[in-house]
Structures are given as C-alpha cells and as structure tokens.
Amino acid sequence: MDILKKLFEGHFRAPVTYVQPLQGELGGSGRKIIRLASEEKSAIGILYGVREENVAFLEFSKHFRRHGLPVPEIYAEDLSQGAYLEEDLGDTTLFEFLSKNRTGETIAPQVVEAYRKVAAILPRFQVEAGRDLNYTVCYPIASFDRQSIAWDLNYFKYYFLRLAGIPFNEQALEDDFGRLTEFLLSAPRDYFLYRDFQSRNIMLRDGQPFFVDYQGGRKGALQYDIASLLYDAKADLPPELRQQLLEHYLTALENHVKLDRDVFLRHFYGYVYVRILQALGAYGFRGFYERKVHFLQSVPYALKNLRWLLHHVELPVELPTLMDAFKSMLASEKLQGLACDADNLVVRIFSFSFHKGVPKDETGHGGGFVFDGRSLPNPGREERFKTLTGRDAPVIEYLNQQESVHQFLASVLSLVDASLASYQQRGFKNLMVSFGCTGGQHRSVYLAEQLAKRLRHHNGVAVTVRHLELEKPGR
C-alpha cells in the first residue's frame, strides 16, 4: 500500500486521504485493486506480483491510447514493486448496467445502445491497433495457437468435466479436441485477440464504454472476442439481441478489413464453443477446486448457452464425444443443482432522501421494507462530514460508535432475516429494502451498505445496492 500512496502523491502532488479495496475475493486474477483519492483526485492502484503480465498491460495501455482507444491512462508505475497507478473509470461495469436495466429477457434501450457502441469499437482493437502492436510482450503466450487452445481445452476437461463427475472416453475426447483445434486454426489469425472481452471488463462513464483487463491479449482470430462478448454466461443475452449485435459488429468490421461474412460465420460458432469451454474450466477451477462457490453461479448460464447451440448450430466438423459430454452436462443432477442455487432471491437495497420520495418497485412484486433512519445521529450536521457519504471511513467510524445505530440495525436484521427465510421457502424472487434519511447521503447510505454486507453471506441470496441521491450528476 505504501508504494501505491507514493506513486499517487508523486503524480498528483497531493496526499492520499481515502483508500478503498475494490475486488477482494470475488476476482479470479489474484491482483489487488485499490482506489486511492485525495481531496480532488482519484486513481486506481494495482498490486500484482507477475511482472510479465504487468508489462503486457502497461505496454498495451499506452499503445491503445496512442490509437485513440478508450482505455485507462497510466499515471505511474514501479514494476520492481509490482505496482502501477491508472485512471479511475468509476464503478459501473457494462454487466452492472445490464443487470440494473433489464426485466428477464427485456433489456432497456440504453443498454442495447451501450452494447452497440462496444461491438463497434472492438474492430479498432483487433485490426487498427493490432497491426503495429508489440506482440513480444504478450503473456503467457504471443498467439492463440495450438498450445494455447490445448491449455483451454484441458482446463475444461480436468477442472470442469472431471470435477463435475461427467463421464467421457479420454482418447475419443482427445480426438475431438484435435479436430476442433485444426478447425479453429484454419481461420485467419493475424489480429489482436483481447482474450477476455466480456461485460465485467468494460466500464461505462457518462454513457461511454472504456476497456480494461486486456493483459492476456495475443495474436488470434477475429471471431473469439465477439463470441466472448455475446456468449458471456451471466450476461445471458437473448438470442435475438446476440444476432443483432453480431450483425452490427460485422458492419463495423467491414470498415477495417475486406470481409466475407460466410467465411467469418463458418468459424464463428467454433470459437463460441471454445470460449464457453475456457469459461467453464475457469468456473470449475475457482468453484469446484478452490471452493469459491460464487463462480459456480455462472455455470447454469453457460449450460443455457450450450443448450441453445446444440439446438440451433451445426458445426462443419464432427465432434461426437464432446457433444455427448455436453448432453451429459445438461442432464447432470449435480449441475442442475447449481441451477437451483443460481436461481437466487434478489434483495435490492436502496438509500434515498425522504425529500425526494420513497423508491419505486420496478419488478412488479410490490415493494418491501422502508426504514426511516432520521431518528439516528446525523453526521451531516457536522462540518467535517458534509462532503462525505455513508461509504466513507470517517462517517462509518462515527456511526459505528453510536449505540442507537447498532440497536436500529439489529432490529432491521431481525425483520429482514425472517422475511428472507419465508421468501426463499415460498419461492419468491425479489425483496426490496429501502433506507431513507434527510438528504440520502450519510445515514441511509451507511445503513444500506451495512445490511448488504451482512446479507451477502446468506446462501441463495443475490444482493444489489443503489444509492439514489449519490447517483445524481455532481454527487
């Protein structure tokens, strides 16, 4: 942490007054991601011990910015300490924006427009910036070649199929892997392959997309990244929207290369399959092997994509053993149990100002609890807290010292816990909990965050948090 503070203060000429870890155990990369801020500036600090991967990210970032692509500016770096400082792009990922603006298969127009912007920018990474990229810094490999494909396929075989208990004939599956590999390698592969082009690696700021987490990039085929975006498991895009976005991407791609759409599409679904297999391997490794159960919540969505592919796509290469494995996965009671686990009760927690009105329920469920925090001590009356919120450490510390706050939270938890148990037993899918105070800045924000922190430990519960007053422009 000291090295990040040193980098921040050296760049901005201002002391760090706020530190916030951002990723914790939810991430799969092992990097520590930390927001640092002074009174006027903020930045994202990264701590990671793999020098080669850090070099790749820094080199790619500078290269993409030279091409005018929307990636974070690199402020400072110290590779000897495994540390660098980059532009703060905010907290809204494309995945979060999608999750907050959809009802089942119905996705809000502003989300579709964000996806269209993303799909249109992708060819600039792949073709324009890919032409003069320094591929010698790629890590762990410079090309999505035979070895790279073998890593992904074996990742799936050993960490998903084996650990999920799916039976298969080892030699017959290897034969299928060989045929699939030859088919994939027959596509043109002289482009930049982003590698992890998915909704959680795309930030939205003022409605515009910014791109992160391309440090695993390498040379490869055009089909891989658009497959990653459209078949991103938990994003769960409807098939009709996937097709519209694919067409939009191909139209944008035609501005950069001479494109034969039939040739492109001949290989496209092969890359969809290999991307899904890579993702399933990651879910198996993190979930079954490392016991990070939240990774397994993506498995049912990946299976849904496989089911659609089996019904709608015929590859120009025979893969009988692999297809049988997919059918066994779809019939597996163990994996169906994961589907039940992923079908969570969603608890939506809000903070708001009573001056602006109680949040409206958007699910059709009819709302839920509304708690009035105005009886609690108000940090907003003290000058030192006026510019802070209930997510800032000084405000949290102040409210943690108030006995009345602990009594209030204990009562809230008692009521909400009772409802959780009943809602889950009865198969309900939505519960809304709202906290109001005078300005929607301190007490209500604190209470919402504290409840979310406690509920995230409940099995079968997915938690979302929105601070309505803090979302407004200028806040």
Protein backbone atom coordinates (compact mmCIF):
# COMPACT_ATOMS: atom_id res chain seq x y z
CA MET A 1 0.00 0.00 0.00
CA ASP A 2 2.84 2.40 0.73
CA ILE A 3 4.17 2.13 -2.81
CA LEU A 4 0.73 2.99 -4.25
CA LYS A 5 0.48 6.02 -1.98
CA LYS A 6 3.95 7.08 -3.06
CA LEU A 7 3.02 6.75 -6.75
CA PHE A 8 -0.22 8.70 -6.18
CA GLU A 9 1.41 11.52 -4.26
CA GLY A 10 4.27 11.72 -6.76
CA HIS A 11 1.87 12.05 -9.69
CA PHE A 12 -0.85 14.28 -8.22
CA ARG A 13 1.29 16.25 -5.73
CA ALA A 14 -1.39 15.68 -3.11
CA PRO A 15 -1.68 13.34 -0.09
CA VAL A 16 -3.91 10.25 -0.15
CA THR A 17 -6.93 10.81 2.12
CA TYR A 18 -9.05 7.80 1.12
CA VAL A 19 -8.29 4.15 0.34
CA GLN A 20 -10.87 1.58 -0.82
CA PRO A 21 -10.14 -2.05 -1.81
CA LEU A 22 -12.33 -2.88 -4.82
CA GLN A 23 -12.07 -6.56 -5.70
CA GLY A 24 -11.47 -8.78 -2.69
CA GLU A 25 -12.21 -12.49 -3.02
CA LEU A 26 -14.67 -12.06 -5.90
CA GLY A 27 -11.97 -11.64 -8.51
CA GLY A 28 -10.22 -14.50 -10.22
CA SER A 29 -6.92 -12.88 -11.18
CA GLY A 30 -5.13 -12.54 -7.83
CA ARG A 31 -4.49 -8.84 -8.40
CA LYS A 32 -5.19 -6.34 -5.64
CA ILE A 33 -7.25 -3.45 -7.00
CA ILE A 34 -7.46 -0.37 -4.80
CA ARG A 35 -8.99 3.09 -5.23
CA LEU A 36 -6.90 5.93 -3.81
CA ALA A 37 -8.11 9.50 -3.55
CA SER A 38 -7.07 12.94 -2.36
CA GLU A 39 -9.48 15.81 -1.80
CA GLU A 40 -9.76 16.40 -5.57
CA LYS A 41 -8.26 13.45 -7.45
CA SER A 42 -8.73 9.69 -7.55
CA ALA A 43 -6.94 6.80 -9.22
CA ILE A 44 -6.91 3.01 -9.28
CA GLY A 45 -3.85 1.27 -7.89
CA ILE A 46 -2.86 -2.27 -8.87
CA LEU A 47 -0.61 -4.59 -6.88
CA TYR A 48 0.37 -7.81 -8.63
CA GLY A 49 3.49 -9.94 -8.47
CA VAL A 50 3.64 -11.25 -12.06
CA ARG A 51 5.97 -8.81 -13.79
CA GLU A 52 5.35 -10.12 -17.32
CA GLU A 53 1.60 -9.61 -17.04
CA ASN A 54 2.10 -6.11 -15.65
CA VAL A 55 4.44 -5.27 -18.55
CA ALA A 56 1.85 -6.53 -21.05
CA PHE A 57 -0.93 -4.41 -19.54
CA LEU A 58 1.17 -1.26 -19.37
CA GLU A 59 2.56 -1.67 -22.91
CA PHE A 60 -0.88 -2.41 -24.36
CA SER A 61 -2.50 0.51 -22.50
CA LYS A 62 -0.01 3.02 -23.87
CA HIS A 63 -0.30 1.55 -27.35
CA PHE A 64 -4.12 1.65 -27.37
CA ARG A 65 -4.15 5.25 -26.14
CA ARG A 66 -1.83 6.23 -28.99
CA HIS A 67 -4.53 4.84 -31.28
CA GLY A 68 -7.18 6.92 -29.51
CA LEU A 69 -8.91 3.92 -27.94
CA PRO A 70 -10.83 4.35 -24.66
CA VAL A 71 -8.56 2.63 -22.13
CA PRO A 72 -7.27 3.94 -18.78
CA GLU A 73 -4.39 6.39 -18.74
CA ILE A 74 -1.34 5.05 -16.90
CA TYR A 75 -0.28 7.65 -14.31
CA ALA A 76 2.73 5.98 -12.71
CA GLU A 77 4.40 2.60 -12.35
CA ASP A 78 7.01 0.74 -10.31
CA LEU A 79 7.50 -2.69 -11.86
CA SER A 80 10.11 -3.64 -9.26
CA GLN A 81 7.31 -3.45 -6.66
CA GLY A 82 4.60 -4.93 -8.90
CA ALA A 83 2.64 -1.68 -8.69
CA TYR A 84 1.08 0.80 -11.07
CA LEU A 85 -1.47 3.60 -10.97
CA GLU A 86 -4.14 4.09 -13.61
CA GLU A 87 -7.11 6.29 -14.39
CA ASP A 88 -10.23 5.81 -12.25
CA LEU A 89 -13.08 4.93 -14.64
CA GLY A 90 -15.74 4.74 -11.93
CA ASP A 91 -17.74 1.82 -10.60
CA THR A 92 -20.23 0.94 -13.35
CA THR A 93 -19.40 -2.06 -15.49
CA LEU A 94 -21.42 -2.97 -18.55
CA PHE A 95 -22.58 -6.07 -16.65
CA GLU A 96 -23.89 -3.98 -13.73
CA PHE A 97 -25.59 -1.57 -16.12
CA LEU A 98 -27.24 -4.51 -17.86
CA SER A 99 -28.31 -6.11 -14.57
CA LYS A 100 -29.98 -2.92 -13.33
CA ASN A 101 -31.80 -2.23 -16.58
CA ARG A 102 -33.43 -5.47 -17.57
CA THR A 103 -36.54 -7.45 -16.68
CA GLY A 104 -35.95 -11.04 -17.70
CA GLU A 105 -35.41 -11.10 -21.47
CA THR A 106 -36.43 -7.44 -21.83
CA ILE A 107 -33.34 -5.22 -21.90
CA ALA A 108 -33.62 -1.43 -21.76
CA PRO A 109 -32.75 0.51 -24.96
CA GLN A 110 -29.87 2.35 -23.27
CA VAL A 111 -28.21 -0.99 -22.51
CA VAL A 112 -28.60 -2.17 -26.09
CA GLU A 113 -27.05 1.09 -27.26
CA ALA A 114 -24.09 0.59 -24.89
CA TYR A 115 -23.56 -2.91 -26.35
CA ARG A 116 -23.74 -1.50 -29.88
CA LYS A 117 -21.01 1.03 -29.04
CA VAL A 118 -18.85 -1.75 -27.59
CA ALA A 119 -19.32 -4.01 -30.62
CA ALA A 120 -18.47 -1.14 -32.98
CA ILE A 121 -15.23 -0.29 -31.14
CA LEU A 122 -13.94 -3.89 -31.00
CA PRO A 123 -12.59 -3.96 -34.60
CA ARG A 124 -10.39 -0.96 -33.79
CA PHE A 125 -8.63 -3.02 -31.12
CA GLN A 126 -8.41 -6.10 -33.33
CA VAL A 127 -7.38 -4.57 -36.65
CA GLU A 128 -6.31 -0.94 -36.33
CA ALA A 129 -4.32 -1.25 -33.08
CA GLY A 130 -3.43 -4.88 -33.80
CA ARG A 131 -1.36 -4.01 -36.88
CA ASP A 132 1.59 -2.40 -35.06
CA LEU A 133 1.22 -3.89 -31.57
CA ASN A 134 4.37 -5.24 -29.90
CA TYR A 135 3.39 -8.90 -29.57
CA THR A 136 6.72 -9.78 -27.94
CA VAL A 137 5.36 -8.59 -24.56
CA CYS A 138 2.30 -10.88 -24.67
CA TYR A 139 1.92 -13.10 -21.58
CA PRO A 140 1.79 -16.04 -21.19
CA ILE A 141 1.91 -16.65 -24.96
CA ALA A 142 2.06 -14.46 -28.07
CA SER A 143 -0.56 -16.27 -30.16
CA PHE A 144 -3.81 -18.17 -29.77
CA ASP A 145 -2.11 -21.16 -31.34
CA ARG A 146 -2.25 -24.93 -30.92
CA GLN A 147 -0.67 -24.82 -27.46
CA SER A 148 -2.95 -22.03 -26.28
CA ILE A 149 -6.04 -23.90 -27.46
CA ALA A 150 -4.80 -27.10 -25.78
CA TRP A 151 -4.47 -25.26 -22.47
CA ASP A 152 -8.09 -24.11 -22.68
CA LEU A 153 -9.47 -27.50 -23.69
CA ASN A 154 -7.56 -29.34 -20.97
CA TYR A 155 -8.62 -26.70 -18.44
CA PHE A 156 -12.21 -27.62 -19.31
CA LYS A 157 -11.54 -31.36 -19.27
CA TYR A 158 -9.73 -31.60 -15.95
CA TYR A 159 -11.29 -28.80 -13.92
CA PHE A 160 -14.85 -28.99 -15.16
CA LEU A 161 -15.71 -32.38 -16.63
CA ARG A 162 -13.64 -34.34 -14.09
CA LEU A 163 -14.73 -32.34 -11.03
CA ALA A 164 -18.38 -32.24 -12.12
CA GLY A 165 -18.37 -36.03 -12.47
CA ILE A 166 -19.22 -36.07 -16.19
CA PRO A 167 -18.10 -39.40 -17.78
CA PHE A 168 -16.14 -39.36 -21.03
CA ASN A 169 -13.78 -41.51 -23.09
CA GLU A 170 -10.37 -39.87 -22.74
CA GLN A 171 -8.95 -40.86 -26.13
CA ALA A 172 -12.17 -40.17 -28.03
CA LEU A 173 -12.42 -36.72 -26.40
CA GLU A 174 -8.79 -36.00 -27.29
CA ASP A 175 -9.57 -36.94 -30.90
CA ASP A 176 -12.44 -34.43 -30.88
CA PHE A 177 -10.16 -31.80 -29.35
CA GLY A 178 -7.69 -32.40 -32.16
CA ARG A 179 -10.35 -31.94 -34.85
CA LEU A 180 -11.71 -28.81 -33.14
CA THR A 181 -8.20 -27.35 -32.88
CA GLU A 182 -7.46 -27.90 -36.57
CA PHE A 183 -10.77 -26.28 -37.47
CA LEU A 184 -10.10 -23.21 -35.27
CA LEU A 185 -6.58 -22.80 -36.65
CA SER A 186 -7.91 -22.73 -40.21
CA ALA A 187 -9.38 -19.25 -39.59
CA PRO A 188 -7.22 -16.15 -40.34
CA ARG A 189 -5.42 -15.30 -37.08
CA ASP A 190 -3.37 -12.15 -37.76
CA TYR A 191 -5.33 -9.84 -35.45
CA PHE A 192 -5.26 -8.69 -31.82
CA LEU A 193 -7.24 -11.09 -29.63
CA TYR A 194 -8.34 -9.26 -26.46
CA ARG A 195 -8.90 -12.64 -24.77
CA ASP A 196 -11.35 -11.58 -22.03
CA PHE A 197 -13.71 -9.29 -23.90
CA GLN A 198 -16.73 -9.53 -21.61
CA SER A 199 -19.18 -7.24 -19.84
CA ARG A 200 -17.34 -7.15 -16.50
CA ASN A 201 -14.21 -5.80 -18.23
CA ILE A 202 -16.00 -2.86 -19.84
CA MET A 203 -16.62 0.26 -17.77
CA LEU A 204 -19.27 2.87 -18.54
CA ARG A 205 -18.60 6.53 -17.76
CA ASP A 206 -21.04 9.20 -18.92
CA GLY A 207 -22.60 6.60 -21.18
CA GLN A 208 -19.35 5.83 -23.00
CA PRO A 209 -17.51 2.49 -22.81
CA PHE A 210 -13.94 2.15 -21.54
CA PHE A 211 -11.95 -1.08 -21.69
CA VAL A 212 -9.76 -2.85 -19.12
CA ASP A 213 -8.22 -6.29 -18.44
CA TYR A 214 -6.62 -6.94 -21.83
CA GLN A 215 -3.30 -8.04 -20.33
CA GLY A 216 -3.89 -11.61 -21.58
CA GLY A 217 -4.17 -10.38 -25.18
CA ARG A 218 -2.32 -12.09 -28.02
CA LYS A 219 -2.50 -12.57 -31.77
CA GLY A 220 -5.51 -14.57 -32.94
CA ALA A 221 -8.77 -14.80 -34.89
CA LEU A 222 -11.42 -12.08 -35.08
CA GLN A 223 -14.23 -14.44 -34.04
CA TYR A 224 -13.00 -15.10 -30.49
CA ASP A 225 -13.66 -11.70 -28.88
CA ILE A 226 -17.12 -11.07 -30.29
CA ALA A 227 -18.00 -14.63 -29.21
CA SER A 228 -16.77 -13.76 -25.70
CA LEU A 229 -19.00 -10.68 -25.54
CA LEU A 230 -22.16 -12.23 -26.96
CA TYR A 231 -21.94 -15.54 -25.05
CA ASP A 232 -20.76 -14.01 -21.76
CA ALA A 233 -22.52 -16.51 -19.48
CA LYS A 234 -24.09 -14.46 -16.71
CA ALA A 235 -24.95 -11.57 -19.03
CA ASP A 236 -27.47 -14.03 -20.50
CA LEU A 237 -28.20 -12.02 -23.66
CA PRO A 238 -31.31 -13.13 -25.58
CA PRO A 239 -30.53 -14.91 -28.89
CA GLU A 240 -32.24 -12.18 -30.95
CA LEU A 241 -30.06 -9.48 -29.40
CA ARG A 242 -26.93 -11.59 -29.89
CA GLN A 243 -27.72 -11.82 -33.60
CA GLN A 244 -28.39 -8.08 -33.91
CA LEU A 245 -25.11 -7.25 -32.19
CA LEU A 246 -23.19 -9.73 -34.32
CA GLU A 247 -24.54 -8.04 -37.46
CA HIS A 248 -23.62 -4.63 -36.04
CA TYR A 249 -20.09 -5.84 -35.29
CA LEU A 250 -19.66 -7.26 -38.80
CA THR A 251 -20.80 -3.97 -40.33
CA ALA A 252 -18.20 -2.11 -38.24
CA LEU A 253 -15.56 -4.70 -39.11
CA GLU A 254 -16.13 -4.11 -42.83
CA ASN A 255 -14.70 -0.61 -42.36
CA HIS A 256 -11.35 -2.18 -41.45
CA VAL A 257 -10.95 -5.38 -43.49
CA LYS A 258 -12.28 -6.94 -46.65
CA LEU A 259 -14.82 -9.32 -45.14
CA ASP A 260 -16.53 -12.41 -46.48
CA ARG A 261 -19.33 -12.90 -43.97
CA ASP A 262 -19.92 -16.54 -44.91
CA VAL A 263 -16.27 -17.35 -44.24
CA PHE A 264 -16.36 -15.47 -40.95
CA LEU A 265 -19.53 -17.22 -39.78
CA ARG A 266 -18.22 -20.67 -40.80
CA HIS A 267 -15.67 -20.39 -37.97
CA PHE A 268 -17.68 -18.22 -35.58
CA TYR A 269 -19.52 -20.91 -33.63
CA GLY A 270 -16.37 -22.98 -33.23
CA TYR A 271 -14.93 -20.02 -31.37
CA VAL A 272 -18.15 -19.65 -29.38
CA TYR A 273 -17.71 -23.25 -28.21
CA VAL A 274 -14.05 -22.90 -27.29
CA ARG A 275 -14.74 -19.69 -25.37
CA ILE A 276 -17.53 -21.38 -23.40
CA LEU A 277 -15.22 -24.32 -22.63
CA GLN A 278 -12.50 -21.95 -21.40
CA ALA A 279 -15.03 -20.19 -19.16
CA LEU A 280 -16.37 -23.49 -17.78
CA GLY A 281 -12.81 -24.54 -16.97
CA ALA A 282 -12.37 -21.31 -15.02
CA TYR A 283 -15.68 -21.79 -13.17
CA GLY A 284 -14.67 -25.35 -12.29
CA PHE A 285 -11.21 -24.38 -11.11
CA ARG A 286 -12.41 -21.46 -8.97
CA GLY A 287 -15.63 -23.11 -7.85
CA PHE A 288 -15.11 -26.88 -7.51
CA TYR A 289 -11.35 -26.81 -6.84
CA GLU A 290 -10.79 -23.56 -4.92
CA ARG A 291 -14.25 -23.70 -3.28
CA LYS A 292 -15.17 -20.16 -4.32
CA VAL A 293 -18.82 -21.02 -4.73
CA HIS A 294 -19.90 -17.75 -6.38
CA PHE A 295 -18.02 -18.78 -9.55
CA LEU A 296 -20.35 -21.77 -9.90
CA GLN A 297 -23.33 -19.41 -10.17
CA SER A 298 -22.30 -18.74 -13.78
CA VAL A 299 -22.43 -22.43 -14.75
CA PRO A 300 -26.22 -22.62 -15.36
CA TYR A 301 -26.00 -19.69 -17.77
CA ALA A 302 -23.17 -21.36 -19.68
CA LEU A 303 -25.27 -24.53 -19.85
CA LYS A 304 -28.17 -22.48 -21.20
CA ASN A 305 -25.88 -21.24 -23.99
CA LEU A 306 -24.77 -24.80 -24.74
CA ARG A 307 -28.38 -25.98 -24.89
CA TRP A 308 -29.16 -23.25 -27.45
CA LEU A 309 -26.10 -24.12 -29.52
CA LEU A 310 -26.96 -27.83 -29.58
CA HIS A 311 -30.44 -27.00 -30.90
CA HIS A 312 -29.54 -24.27 -33.40
CA VAL A 313 -25.96 -24.75 -34.63
CA GLU A 314 -24.28 -27.48 -36.66
CA LEU A 315 -20.51 -27.18 -36.85
CA PRO A 316 -18.70 -28.11 -40.10
CA VAL A 317 -16.60 -30.56 -38.07
CA GLU A 318 -17.67 -33.78 -36.31
CA LEU A 319 -17.20 -33.76 -32.51
CA PRO A 320 -19.34 -36.68 -31.29
CA THR A 321 -17.69 -37.30 -27.90
CA LEU A 322 -17.64 -33.62 -26.98
CA MET A 323 -21.30 -33.24 -27.96
CA ASP A 324 -22.17 -36.29 -25.84
CA ALA A 325 -20.34 -34.69 -22.92
CA PHE A 326 -22.45 -31.55 -23.37
CA LYS A 327 -25.62 -33.63 -23.31
CA SER A 328 -24.46 -35.37 -20.12
CA MET A 329 -23.76 -31.97 -18.56
CA LEU A 330 -27.27 -30.79 -19.38
CA ALA A 331 -28.71 -33.97 -17.81
CA SER A 332 -26.46 -33.90 -14.70
CA GLU A 333 -28.32 -33.68 -11.37
CA LYS A 334 -25.24 -32.14 -9.80
CA LEU A 335 -25.16 -29.34 -12.36
CA GLN A 336 -28.92 -28.94 -12.25
CA GLY A 337 -28.48 -28.37 -8.51
CA LEU A 338 -26.20 -25.47 -9.35
CA ALA A 339 -29.02 -24.07 -11.45
CA CYS A 340 -31.24 -24.12 -8.39
CA ASP A 341 -28.53 -22.39 -6.36
CA ALA A 342 -28.16 -19.69 -9.01
CA ASP A 343 -31.88 -19.03 -9.05
CA ASN A 344 -31.41 -16.71 -6.09
CA LEU A 345 -33.69 -14.48 -4.15
CA VAL A 346 -32.63 -11.00 -5.25
CA VAL A 347 -32.54 -8.44 -2.44
CA ARG A 348 -32.44 -4.90 -3.82
CA ILE A 349 -31.27 -2.38 -1.24
CA PHE A 350 -31.74 1.36 -1.72
CA SER A 351 -30.78 4.55 0.09
CA PHE A 352 -32.84 7.67 -0.57
CA SER A 353 -33.85 11.12 0.68
CA PHE A 354 -37.34 11.48 2.12
CA HIS A 355 -37.47 14.90 0.43
CA LYS A 356 -37.37 13.13 -2.94
CA GLY A 357 -39.76 10.29 -2.19
CA VAL A 358 -39.60 6.55 -1.50
CA PRO A 359 -38.01 4.38 -4.25
CA LYS A 360 -40.49 2.71 -6.58
CA ASP A 361 -40.57 -1.03 -7.08
CA GLU A 362 -39.70 -1.92 -10.70
CA THR A 363 -40.17 -5.68 -10.54
CA GLY A 364 -43.93 -5.77 -10.15
CA HIS A 365 -43.51 -7.54 -6.81
CA GLY A 366 -44.99 -4.63 -4.85
CA GLY A 367 -42.06 -3.25 -2.84
CA GLY A 368 -40.87 -4.26 0.60
CA PHE A 369 -39.40 -2.70 3.73
CA VAL A 370 -38.92 1.06 4.13
CA PHE A 371 -36.84 2.07 7.16
CA ASP A 372 -36.59 5.64 8.45
CA GLY A 373 -33.05 6.48 9.61
CA ARG A 374 -33.82 10.06 10.60
CA SER A 375 -34.04 9.16 14.29
CA LEU A 376 -30.32 8.33 14.32
CA PRO A 377 -27.48 10.82 14.99
CA ASN A 378 -26.91 12.87 11.83
CA PRO A 379 -23.29 13.20 10.60
CA GLY A 380 -24.48 15.81 8.11
CA ARG A 381 -24.80 18.37 10.89
CA GLU A 382 -21.05 18.33 11.48
CA GLU A 383 -18.88 20.36 9.13
CA ARG A 384 -16.19 17.64 8.85
CA PHE A 385 -18.68 15.21 7.33
CA LYS A 386 -20.59 17.50 4.96
CA THR A 387 -18.70 16.49 1.79
CA LEU A 388 -18.51 12.81 2.74
CA THR A 389 -21.04 9.98 2.41
CA GLY A 390 -22.04 6.91 4.36
CA ARG A 391 -19.48 4.92 2.37
CA ASP A 392 -16.54 6.99 3.64
CA ALA A 393 -14.44 5.70 6.53
CA PRO A 394 -14.84 8.75 8.86
CA VAL A 395 -18.65 8.60 8.60
CA ILE A 396 -18.66 4.82 9.09
CA GLU A 397 -16.46 5.16 12.16
CA TYR A 398 -18.70 7.90 13.60
CA LEU A 399 -21.90 5.88 13.15
CA ASN A 400 -20.26 2.68 14.41
CA GLN A 401 -19.69 4.45 17.72
CA GLN A 402 -23.41 5.19 18.20
CA GLU A 403 -25.28 2.61 20.31
CA SER A 404 -28.61 3.67 18.79
CA VAL A 405 -27.30 2.77 15.33
CA HIS A 406 -26.44 -0.77 16.43
CA GLN A 407 -29.87 -1.20 18.01
CA PHE A 408 -31.52 0.06 14.82
CA LEU A 409 -29.53 -2.33 12.62
CA ALA A 410 -30.24 -5.27 14.93
CA SER A 411 -33.98 -4.63 14.58
CA VAL A 412 -33.68 -4.31 10.81
CA LEU A 413 -31.74 -7.56 10.54
CA SER A 414 -34.28 -9.41 12.66
CA LEU A 415 -37.13 -8.35 10.37
CA VAL A 416 -35.28 -8.86 7.10
CA ASP A 417 -33.86 -12.25 8.12
CA ALA A 418 -37.34 -13.51 8.94
CA SER A 419 -38.59 -12.39 5.52
CA LEU A 420 -35.61 -13.95 3.74
CA ALA A 421 -36.35 -17.36 5.19
CA SER A 422 -40.04 -17.12 4.31
CA TYR A 423 -39.45 -15.73 0.81
CA GLN A 424 -36.95 -18.47 -0.05
CA GLN A 425 -39.24 -21.18 1.28
CA ARG A 426 -42.13 -19.85 -0.82
CA GLY A 427 -40.02 -19.39 -3.97
CA PHE A 428 -40.21 -15.59 -4.11
CA LYS A 429 -37.52 -13.94 -6.25
CA ASN A 430 -37.46 -10.28 -5.15
CA LEU A 431 -37.28 -8.38 -1.88
CA MET A 432 -36.83 -4.62 -1.69
CA VAL A 433 -35.33 -2.89 1.36
CA SER A 434 -35.06 0.91 1.40
CA PHE A 435 -33.40 3.21 3.92
CA GLY A 436 -34.31 6.90 4.00
CA CYS A 437 -32.82 9.88 5.78
CA THR A 438 -32.95 13.63 5.32
CA GLY A 439 -30.52 14.05 2.43
CA GLY A 440 -29.84 10.46 1.33
CA GLN A 441 -26.12 10.99 1.84
CA HIS A 442 -24.97 9.72 5.22
CA ARG A 443 -27.22 7.57 7.45
CA SER A 444 -29.28 5.90 4.73
CA VAL A 445 -26.16 5.11 2.67
CA TYR A 446 -24.40 3.67 5.72
CA LEU A 447 -27.41 1.52 6.68
CA ALA A 448 -27.82 0.19 3.12
CA GLU A 449 -24.15 -0.77 2.92
CA GLN A 450 -24.19 -2.44 6.34
CA LEU A 451 -27.26 -4.53 5.51
CA ALA A 452 -25.77 -5.54 2.14
CA LYS A 453 -22.54 -6.59 3.85
CA ARG A 454 -24.44 -8.91 6.18
CA LEU A 455 -26.82 -10.36 3.58
CA ARG A 456 -24.07 -11.30 1.13
CA HIS A 457 -23.17 -14.15 3.48
CA HIS A 458 -26.62 -15.76 3.09
CA ASN A 459 -26.90 -18.76 0.78
CA GLY A 460 -29.23 -18.35 -2.17
CA VAL A 461 -29.32 -14.57 -1.90
CA ALA A 462 -28.08 -12.08 -4.52
CA VAL A 463 -27.70 -8.51 -3.29
CA THR A 464 -27.75 -5.27 -5.29
CA VAL A 465 -27.29 -1.81 -3.79
CA ARG A 466 -28.27 1.59 -5.18
CA HIS A 467 -27.76 4.99 -3.57
CA LEU A 468 -30.27 7.15 -5.39
CA GLU A 469 -29.04 10.55 -4.26
CA LEU A 470 -25.40 9.68 -4.88
CA GLU A 471 -26.21 8.62 -8.47
CA LYS A 472 -27.25 12.13 -9.42
CA PRO A 473 -24.92 14.30 -11.54
CA GLY A 474 -22.36 16.12 -9.44
CA ARG A 475 -22.65 13.74 -6.49
